[in-house]
Protein backbone atom coordinates (compact mmCIF):
# COMPACT_ATOMS: atom_id res chain seq x y z
CA MET A 1 8.90 -13.74 -24.92
CA PHE A 2 10.01 -13.27 -21.29
CA SER A 3 7.26 -15.75 -19.42
CA LYS A 4 9.00 -18.58 -21.55
CA LEU A 5 12.15 -18.35 -19.18
CA ALA A 6 11.82 -18.89 -15.33
CA PRO A 7 12.38 -16.00 -13.44
CA GLN A 8 15.92 -17.23 -12.02
CA GLU A 9 16.65 -18.00 -15.98
CA LEU A 10 15.82 -14.13 -16.76
CA TYR A 11 17.61 -12.68 -13.54
CA GLN A 12 20.87 -14.98 -14.65
CA LEU A 13 20.57 -13.63 -18.34
CA LEU A 14 19.87 -10.03 -17.27
CA LEU A 15 22.91 -10.32 -15.33
CA LYS A 16 25.44 -11.43 -18.26
CA ALA A 17 23.70 -9.12 -21.03
CA PRO A 18 26.09 -6.07 -22.22
CA LYS A 19 26.13 -3.05 -19.74
CA ASP A 20 25.43 -0.81 -22.56
CA ALA A 21 23.58 -2.73 -25.43
CA PRO A 22 20.21 -3.83 -26.19
CA VAL A 23 19.23 -7.86 -24.53
CA LEU A 24 16.47 -8.31 -27.04
CA LEU A 25 14.95 -7.46 -30.07
CA SER A 26 11.53 -7.59 -31.04
CA ASP A 27 9.49 -7.20 -34.10
CA ARG A 28 6.59 -4.80 -33.00
CA LEU A 29 5.86 -3.25 -29.72
CA GLU A 30 2.94 -5.02 -27.69
CA LYS A 31 1.53 -3.83 -24.82
CA LYS A 32 1.26 -7.51 -22.92
CA LEU A 33 4.76 -7.69 -24.10
CA LEU A 34 5.77 -4.06 -22.84
CA LEU A 35 4.06 -4.56 -19.12
CA GLU A 36 6.03 -8.34 -18.93
CA ALA A 37 9.31 -6.41 -20.17
CA TYR A 38 9.15 -4.06 -17.19
CA LYS A 39 8.10 -6.32 -14.48
CA PHE A 40 11.79 -7.71 -15.13
CA GLY A 41 13.37 -4.81 -15.40
CA LEU A 42 13.87 -4.31 -19.27
CA PHE A 43 12.52 -1.04 -21.62
CA PRO A 44 12.09 -0.01 -25.15
CA TRP A 45 14.21 2.47 -26.55
CA THR A 46 14.12 2.27 -30.27
CA ASN A 47 11.49 0.62 -32.72
CA LYS A 48 11.46 -1.14 -36.01
CA PRO A 49 12.87 -3.44 -34.58
CA VAL A 50 12.20 -2.80 -30.86
CA SER A 51 15.48 -3.02 -28.62
CA TRP A 52 15.17 -3.73 -25.03
CA TRP A 53 17.26 -2.88 -22.35
CA CYS A 54 18.82 -3.22 -19.11
CA PRO A 55 21.63 -1.08 -18.88
CA ASP A 56 24.26 -1.67 -16.07
CA PRO A 57 24.46 0.96 -14.19
CA ARG A 58 20.85 1.88 -13.92
CA MET A 59 19.91 5.44 -12.84
CA ILE A 60 17.41 5.63 -9.78
CA LEU A 61 15.77 7.93 -8.01
CA TYR A 62 14.50 8.12 -3.84
CA PRO A 63 11.59 10.54 -4.03
CA THR A 64 13.11 11.55 -0.22
CA GLU A 65 16.58 12.55 -2.40
CA ILE A 66 14.99 15.30 -4.69
CA TYR A 67 17.04 18.29 -4.82
CA LYS A 68 15.14 21.44 -4.97
CA GLN A 69 17.52 24.07 -6.35
CA LYS A 70 16.78 27.52 -4.78
CA SER A 71 16.63 29.02 -8.34
CA THR A 72 14.04 26.24 -8.83
CA ARG A 73 11.74 26.56 -6.11
CA ARG A 74 10.22 29.78 -7.34
CA PHE A 75 8.94 28.34 -10.20
CA LEU A 76 7.58 25.56 -8.00
CA ASN A 77 4.31 28.62 -7.49
CA ARG A 78 4.80 30.04 -11.14
CA TYR A 79 3.71 26.94 -12.56
CA GLU A 80 0.50 25.15 -12.37
CA ILE A 81 0.55 21.47 -12.21
CA ARG A 82 -1.80 18.78 -13.07
CA LEU A 83 -2.05 15.21 -12.86
CA ASP A 84 -3.22 13.07 -15.83
CA GLU A 85 -5.47 15.51 -17.60
CA ALA A 86 -3.58 15.65 -20.77
CA PHE A 87 -1.67 12.75 -21.02
CA GLU A 88 -1.69 11.63 -24.73
CA GLU A 89 -1.10 15.67 -25.64
CA LEU A 90 2.15 15.47 -23.57
CA ILE A 91 3.70 12.22 -24.95
CA PHE A 92 2.86 14.15 -28.76
CA LEU A 93 4.47 17.44 -27.17
CA CYS A 94 7.49 14.85 -25.94
CA ALA A 95 7.66 13.16 -29.58
CA ASN A 96 7.44 16.55 -31.35
CA SER A 97 9.95 18.52 -29.22
CA ARG A 98 12.85 16.44 -30.42
CA LYS A 99 14.18 16.69 -33.97
CA GLN A 100 14.70 12.99 -33.66
CA THR A 101 12.41 10.51 -31.83
CA TRP A 102 11.31 7.14 -32.11
CA LEU A 103 7.98 7.89 -30.15
CA ASP A 104 6.00 7.07 -33.32
CA ARG A 105 2.12 6.55 -33.44
CA ASP A 106 2.03 2.75 -32.19
CA PHE A 107 4.40 3.77 -29.05
CA ILE A 108 1.87 6.28 -28.37
CA ARG A 109 -1.17 4.30 -28.69
CA ILE A 110 0.21 1.96 -26.88
CA TYR A 111 1.07 4.18 -23.67
CA SER A 112 -2.24 5.64 -24.25
CA GLU A 113 -3.95 2.53 -23.74
CA LEU A 114 -1.84 1.82 -20.43
CA PHE A 115 -3.23 5.65 -19.34
CA LYS A 116 -6.94 4.18 -20.04
CA ASP A 117 -5.37 0.81 -18.05
CA GLY A 118 -4.85 3.27 -15.35
CA ILE A 119 -1.08 2.18 -15.61
CA ALA A 120 0.38 5.00 -17.18
CA HIS A 121 0.40 8.20 -15.71
CA SER A 122 1.19 11.93 -16.54
CA VAL A 123 2.86 15.20 -14.19
CA GLU A 124 1.92 18.39 -16.21
CA ILE A 125 3.40 21.90 -15.77
CA TYR A 126 1.15 24.46 -16.89
CA GLU A 127 1.94 28.25 -17.53
CA ASP A 128 -1.24 30.61 -18.38
CA LYS A 129 -3.23 27.53 -18.82
CA ARG A 130 -1.10 26.36 -21.62
CA LEU A 131 0.77 22.82 -21.41
CA VAL A 132 4.98 23.56 -20.96
CA GLY A 133 6.07 20.81 -19.56
CA GLY A 134 5.70 17.43 -17.70
CA ILE A 135 6.86 14.03 -17.33
CA TYR A 136 5.20 10.62 -17.90
CA GLY A 137 5.59 6.92 -16.99
CA LEU A 138 4.40 3.82 -15.60
CA ILE A 139 3.52 3.17 -12.39
CA MET A 140 3.54 -0.90 -11.42
CA GLY A 141 3.78 -1.81 -7.46
CA LYS A 142 5.87 0.94 -5.91
CA ILE A 143 7.81 1.95 -8.82
CA PHE A 144 7.45 5.10 -11.26
CA PHE A 145 9.04 3.82 -14.78
CA GLY A 146 10.04 7.32 -16.06
CA GLU A 147 9.79 7.43 -20.14
CA SER A 148 10.19 10.78 -20.91
CA MET A 149 10.37 14.27 -19.90
CA VAL A 150 9.99 17.63 -21.89
CA SER A 151 10.47 21.42 -21.29
CA LEU A 152 9.28 24.21 -23.41
CA ALA A 153 9.11 26.85 -20.46
CA LYS A 154 12.20 27.38 -17.84
CA ASN A 155 12.14 24.49 -15.50
CA ALA A 156 8.95 23.25 -16.35
CA SER A 157 10.73 19.29 -16.49
CA LYS A 158 12.38 19.77 -13.23
CA VAL A 159 8.96 21.45 -11.19
CA ALA A 160 7.57 18.39 -12.85
CA MET A 161 10.22 15.97 -11.20
CA ILE A 162 9.74 17.67 -8.14
CA ALA A 163 6.25 17.66 -7.84
CA LEU A 164 6.37 13.89 -8.89
CA CYS A 165 9.14 13.12 -5.80
CA GLU A 166 7.09 14.86 -2.97
CA LEU A 167 3.11 13.26 -4.30
CA LEU A 168 5.36 9.81 -3.80
CA ALA A 169 7.58 10.19 -1.05
CA PRO A 170 4.93 9.21 1.39
CA TYR A 171 4.12 5.93 -0.36
CA ASP A 172 8.40 4.71 -0.22
CA PHE A 173 8.42 4.56 -4.09
CA ILE A 174 11.27 4.66 -6.18
CA ILE A 175 11.72 6.35 -9.76
CA ASP A 176 13.52 4.24 -12.63
CA CYS A 177 15.31 6.75 -14.37
CA GLN A 178 17.02 4.53 -16.91
CA ILE A 179 20.46 5.58 -17.72
CA TYR A 180 22.38 8.51 -16.65
CA ASN A 181 21.57 12.04 -16.81
CA PRO A 182 23.08 14.20 -15.32
CA HIS A 183 20.24 16.87 -15.03
CA LEU A 184 18.41 14.13 -12.93
CA ALA A 185 22.23 13.32 -11.37
CA PHE A 186 21.67 17.24 -10.26
CA MET A 187 18.78 16.81 -8.53
CA GLY A 188 19.30 13.59 -6.75
CA ALA A 189 19.36 10.43 -9.21
CA LYS A 190 21.98 8.06 -8.75
CA ASN A 191 23.70 5.42 -10.35
CA VAL A 192 23.38 1.59 -8.94
CA PRO A 193 24.48 -1.49 -10.47
CA ARG A 194 22.30 -3.44 -12.42
CA ALA A 195 21.83 -6.42 -9.50
CA GLU A 196 21.41 -4.07 -7.30
CA PHE A 197 18.31 -2.47 -9.56
CA LEU A 198 16.95 -6.35 -10.17
CA SER A 199 16.45 -6.87 -6.21
CA ILE A 200 14.86 -3.70 -5.89
CA LEU A 201 12.96 -4.08 -8.69
CA GLU A 202 11.79 -7.64 -7.43
CA LYS A 203 10.56 -6.45 -4.32
CA LYS A 204 8.72 -3.23 -5.31
CA ILE A 205 6.87 -4.43 -8.00
CA GLN A 206 5.23 -6.87 -5.63
CA GLN A 207 4.27 -4.32 -3.49
CA LYS A 208 0.81 -2.73 -3.59
CA SER A 209 1.43 1.38 -4.18
CA GLY A 210 -0.59 2.63 -1.41
CA PHE A 211 -2.98 4.77 -2.59
CA VAL A 212 -6.21 4.44 -4.77
CA GLU A 213 -5.69 6.71 -7.48
CA PHE A 214 -3.09 8.99 -9.08
CA LYS A 215 -4.63 12.05 -9.95
CA SER A 216 -6.13 12.23 -6.15
CA LEU A 217 -2.66 12.66 -4.64
CA LEU A 218 -2.70 16.23 -5.68
CA THR A 219 -5.66 16.58 -3.50
CA SER A 220 -4.60 14.01 -0.70
């Protein structure tokens, strides 16, 4: 779909796209299409049909700008943080914790394949050895494309985001938060114009992450 257009043509298409509506629609979600879309700043939001979005503005978070609220800091020691140990379980947790969700089995299957490919990753939060929250997304270049967060215990998702930022801060990453969320805005995320995000994306997507294995960041 996207590869049929030259990069500059697609860039111009995205700049003219609706600010708060899908850019494109596709019949189904496919892994190759998904990876291609992320490289150009698009992400899927619904299925049957799959809607592809590139909102304006775009919410991003620089890991070095994460805000650690005093009331949250004590939970950093209360919870156990793990990486990439229960990826699929975390996605199911995200899907089942919402009354309405488009995270169906096809979506979970494809993202699980991306996890096996070493592209999708998870930050998992445990309390008494029970998974109580976390965040998952894709790492491409120096960008963490955040997909979903979940919290079944107090401040679990906040701890996951803080942990993610602390792990990625030394590597000059940005975190794509996709759309405005007051919860993330309070933690330091900010809206930027779509054109600015696409400019950042073009550079960051080409850069190497700076580490060999995401899971090893907890021990490095």
